[in-house]
Amino acid sequence: MSENYSFNSKEKLTEYIQSEIINTTEALEILQCSRQNLNNLVKRGVLTPIKDLPRDRLFYKEDIVKRKNEMDSKNNV
C-alpha cells in the first residue's frame, strides 16, 4: 500500500481502525475458512498481517475482502 493517511484527531484514527482493521476471528468469518487455512495463507505470503499479537493477528479488511473475492471467482469458473 503506497497510500498516505493523515488523521486530524484521535477520533478519526479510531474510526478508521474500527472500520478498516480486523482481527483473526473477523477474517475467518469473511473468508469462511479455518484458522489453520488462514495460518497457511499467512505462511505462504498470500496474506500479510499488519500486526502479530501473541494470540491474534490484525489485518487490513481490504486485503481479506480482496482474497475472498479471488477465492469466489476461482470457485465460479
N, C-alpha and C. Protein backbone atom coordinates (compact mmCIF):
# COMPACT_ATOMS: atom_id res chain seq x y z
N MET A 1 0.84 -1.18 0.00
CA MET A 1 0.00 0.00 0.00
C MET A 1 0.88 1.24 0.00
N SER A 2 0.69 2.08 -0.97
CA SER A 2 1.50 3.28 -1.07
C SER A 2 0.73 4.53 -0.66
N GLU A 3 -0.43 4.33 -0.07
CA GLU A 3 -1.25 5.47 0.31
C GLU A 3 -0.75 6.07 1.62
N ASN A 4 -0.83 7.39 1.71
CA ASN A 4 -0.52 8.07 2.96
C ASN A 4 -1.81 8.51 3.61
N TYR A 5 -1.89 8.29 4.90
CA TYR A 5 -3.09 8.66 5.63
C TYR A 5 -2.73 9.73 6.64
N SER A 6 -3.63 10.66 6.80
CA SER A 6 -3.45 11.70 7.79
C SER A 6 -4.75 11.82 8.58
N PHE A 7 -4.61 11.80 9.89
CA PHE A 7 -5.79 11.87 10.75
C PHE A 7 -5.71 13.13 11.59
N ASN A 8 -6.75 13.93 11.53
CA ASN A 8 -6.77 15.21 12.24
C ASN A 8 -7.04 15.07 13.73
N SER A 9 -7.54 13.90 14.10
CA SER A 9 -7.86 13.72 15.52
C SER A 9 -7.77 12.24 15.88
N LYS A 10 -7.69 12.01 17.14
CA LYS A 10 -7.68 10.65 17.67
C LYS A 10 -8.98 9.93 17.29
N GLU A 11 -10.07 10.67 17.29
CA GLU A 11 -11.37 10.11 16.96
C GLU A 11 -11.40 9.62 15.51
N LYS A 12 -10.81 10.39 14.59
CA LYS A 12 -10.76 9.98 13.18
C LYS A 12 -9.92 8.73 13.01
N LEU A 13 -8.81 8.66 13.72
CA LEU A 13 -7.96 7.47 13.67
C LEU A 13 -8.71 6.26 14.22
N THR A 14 -9.39 6.43 15.33
CA THR A 14 -10.18 5.35 15.92
C THR A 14 -11.26 4.89 14.96
N GLU A 15 -11.94 5.81 14.33
CA GLU A 15 -12.98 5.49 13.35
C GLU A 15 -12.41 4.67 12.20
N TYR A 16 -11.23 5.07 11.72
CA TYR A 16 -10.57 4.34 10.63
C TYR A 16 -10.23 2.91 11.07
N ILE A 17 -9.62 2.79 12.22
CA ILE A 17 -9.23 1.46 12.72
C ILE A 17 -10.45 0.57 12.89
N GLN A 18 -11.52 1.09 13.45
CA GLN A 18 -12.72 0.30 13.67
C GLN A 18 -13.37 -0.16 12.37
N SER A 19 -13.22 0.61 11.30
CA SER A 19 -13.88 0.24 10.05
C SER A 19 -12.96 -0.52 9.10
N GLU A 20 -11.64 -0.34 9.19
CA GLU A 20 -10.73 -0.88 8.19
C GLU A 20 -9.76 -1.95 8.69
N ILE A 21 -9.66 -2.15 10.00
CA ILE A 21 -8.74 -3.13 10.57
C ILE A 21 -9.56 -4.23 11.22
N ILE A 22 -9.21 -5.49 10.92
CA ILE A 22 -9.96 -6.61 11.51
C ILE A 22 -8.99 -7.60 12.14
N ASN A 23 -9.52 -8.40 13.06
CA ASN A 23 -8.69 -9.40 13.72
C ASN A 23 -8.89 -10.76 13.06
N THR A 24 -8.22 -11.76 13.60
CA THR A 24 -8.26 -13.11 13.03
C THR A 24 -9.69 -13.64 12.95
N THR A 25 -10.44 -13.50 14.01
CA THR A 25 -11.81 -14.03 14.04
C THR A 25 -12.66 -13.41 12.94
N GLU A 26 -12.55 -12.10 12.76
CA GLU A 26 -13.32 -11.44 11.71
C GLU A 26 -12.85 -11.89 10.32
N ALA A 27 -11.54 -12.08 10.17
CA ALA A 27 -11.01 -12.56 8.89
C ALA A 27 -11.54 -13.95 8.58
N LEU A 28 -11.60 -14.81 9.59
CA LEU A 28 -12.13 -16.18 9.40
C LEU A 28 -13.58 -16.14 8.97
N GLU A 29 -14.36 -15.23 9.55
CA GLU A 29 -15.78 -15.10 9.17
C GLU A 29 -15.92 -14.66 7.72
N ILE A 30 -15.13 -13.68 7.30
CA ILE A 30 -15.21 -13.19 5.93
C ILE A 30 -14.76 -14.26 4.94
N LEU A 31 -13.63 -14.89 5.24
CA LEU A 31 -13.08 -15.90 4.33
C LEU A 31 -13.81 -17.23 4.39
N GLN A 32 -14.56 -17.43 5.46
CA GLN A 32 -15.27 -18.71 5.69
C GLN A 32 -14.28 -19.87 5.59
N CYS A 33 -13.18 -19.75 6.35
CA CYS A 33 -12.18 -20.79 6.36
C CYS A 33 -11.74 -21.08 7.79
N SER A 34 -10.92 -22.11 7.94
CA SER A 34 -10.43 -22.49 9.26
C SER A 34 -9.23 -21.63 9.65
N ARG A 35 -8.93 -21.61 10.93
CA ARG A 35 -7.76 -20.90 11.44
C ARG A 35 -6.49 -21.48 10.81
N GLN A 36 -6.48 -22.80 10.65
CA GLN A 36 -5.33 -23.48 10.05
C GLN A 36 -5.12 -22.99 8.60
N ASN A 37 -6.20 -22.85 7.85
CA ASN A 37 -6.11 -22.36 6.48
C ASN A 37 -5.60 -20.92 6.46
N LEU A 38 -6.09 -20.08 7.36
CA LEU A 38 -5.64 -18.69 7.43
C LEU A 38 -4.15 -18.64 7.77
N ASN A 39 -3.72 -19.45 8.73
CA ASN A 39 -2.30 -19.50 9.09
C ASN A 39 -1.45 -19.92 7.89
N ASN A 40 -1.97 -20.85 7.10
CA ASN A 40 -1.27 -21.31 5.91
C ASN A 40 -1.15 -20.18 4.89
N LEU A 41 -2.22 -19.41 4.70
CA LEU A 41 -2.18 -18.28 3.78
C LEU A 41 -1.13 -17.25 4.20
N VAL A 42 -1.02 -17.04 5.51
CA VAL A 42 -0.02 -16.10 6.03
C VAL A 42 1.38 -16.67 5.81
N LYS A 43 1.56 -17.95 6.14
CA LYS A 43 2.87 -18.59 5.99
C LYS A 43 3.35 -18.55 4.54
N ARG A 44 2.42 -18.73 3.59
CA ARG A 44 2.77 -18.73 2.16
C ARG A 44 2.91 -17.32 1.59
N GLY A 45 2.59 -16.30 2.39
CA GLY A 45 2.72 -14.92 1.94
C GLY A 45 1.54 -14.43 1.12
N VAL A 46 0.45 -15.20 1.10
CA VAL A 46 -0.74 -14.79 0.36
C VAL A 46 -1.41 -13.63 1.10
N LEU A 47 -1.44 -13.71 2.42
CA LEU A 47 -1.96 -12.63 3.26
C LEU A 47 -0.87 -12.18 4.22
N THR A 48 -0.81 -10.89 4.46
CA THR A 48 0.19 -10.34 5.37
C THR A 48 -0.50 -9.59 6.49
N PRO A 49 -0.35 -10.08 7.73
CA PRO A 49 -0.94 -9.34 8.85
C PRO A 49 -0.21 -8.02 9.05
N ILE A 50 -0.92 -7.02 9.55
CA ILE A 50 -0.26 -5.75 9.84
C ILE A 50 0.33 -5.76 11.24
N LYS A 51 -0.16 -6.69 12.09
CA LYS A 51 0.41 -6.84 13.41
C LYS A 51 0.17 -8.25 13.91
N ASP A 52 1.22 -8.86 14.45
CA ASP A 52 1.13 -10.17 15.08
C ASP A 52 1.10 -9.99 16.58
N LEU A 53 0.08 -10.50 17.20
CA LEU A 53 -0.05 -10.46 18.66
C LEU A 53 0.12 -11.88 19.18
N PRO A 54 0.32 -12.07 20.47
CA PRO A 54 0.53 -13.43 20.97
C PRO A 54 -0.56 -14.43 20.59
N ARG A 55 -1.82 -14.03 20.61
CA ARG A 55 -2.90 -14.95 20.30
C ARG A 55 -3.82 -14.45 19.19
N ASP A 56 -3.37 -13.47 18.43
CA ASP A 56 -4.23 -12.88 17.41
C ASP A 56 -3.37 -12.17 16.37
N ARG A 57 -3.99 -11.82 15.27
CA ARG A 57 -3.34 -11.04 14.22
C ARG A 57 -4.32 -9.96 13.78
N LEU A 58 -3.77 -8.86 13.28
CA LEU A 58 -4.60 -7.81 12.72
C LEU A 58 -4.31 -7.72 11.23
N PHE A 59 -5.37 -7.52 10.45
CA PHE A 59 -5.28 -7.43 9.00
C PHE A 59 -6.02 -6.21 8.52
N TYR A 60 -5.61 -5.73 7.32
CA TYR A 60 -6.44 -4.74 6.65
C TYR A 60 -7.66 -5.47 6.10
N LYS A 61 -8.83 -4.94 6.39
CA LYS A 61 -10.07 -5.54 5.91
C LYS A 61 -10.06 -5.65 4.39
N GLU A 62 -9.53 -4.64 3.73
CA GLU A 62 -9.45 -4.60 2.27
C GLU A 62 -8.71 -5.83 1.72
N ASP A 63 -7.61 -6.23 2.37
CA ASP A 63 -6.84 -7.39 1.93
C ASP A 63 -7.64 -8.68 2.05
N ILE A 64 -8.38 -8.81 3.14
CA ILE A 64 -9.17 -10.02 3.38
C ILE A 64 -10.32 -10.10 2.39
N VAL A 65 -11.00 -8.99 2.16
CA VAL A 65 -12.12 -8.97 1.21
C VAL A 65 -11.61 -9.27 -0.20
N LYS A 66 -10.46 -8.72 -0.55
CA LYS A 66 -9.86 -8.99 -1.87
C LYS A 66 -9.58 -10.48 -2.03
N ARG A 67 -9.01 -11.11 -1.00
CA ARG A 67 -8.73 -12.55 -1.05
C ARG A 67 -10.02 -13.35 -1.17
N LYS A 68 -11.06 -12.95 -0.45
CA LYS A 68 -12.35 -13.62 -0.52
C LYS A 68 -12.91 -13.55 -1.94
N ASN A 69 -12.81 -12.38 -2.56
CA ASN A 69 -13.30 -12.22 -3.93
C ASN A 69 -12.51 -13.09 -4.90
N GLU A 70 -11.19 -13.20 -4.70
CA GLU A 70 -10.36 -14.07 -5.54
C GLU A 70 -10.80 -15.52 -5.40
N MET A 71 -11.05 -15.94 -4.15
CA MET A 71 -11.48 -17.32 -3.89
C MET A 71 -12.83 -17.58 -4.55
N ASP A 72 -13.75 -16.62 -4.42
CA ASP A 72 -15.09 -16.78 -5.00
C ASP A 72 -15.02 -16.86 -6.52
N SER A 73 -14.18 -16.04 -7.14
CA SER A 73 -14.10 -16.05 -8.59
C SER A 73 -13.48 -17.35 -9.10
N LYS A 74 -12.54 -17.92 -8.37
CA LYS A 74 -11.96 -19.22 -8.76
C LYS A 74 -13.00 -20.33 -8.65
N ASN A 75 -13.85 -20.25 -7.64
CA ASN A 75 -14.88 -21.28 -7.43
C ASN A 75 -16.00 -21.19 -8.45
N ASN A 76 -16.17 -20.02 -9.07
CA ASN A 76 -17.25 -19.84 -10.04
C ASN A 76 -16.82 -20.07 -11.47
N VAL A 77 -15.56 -20.48 -11.66
CA VAL A 77 -15.07 -20.72 -13.02
C VAL A 77 -15.41 -22.11 -13.48
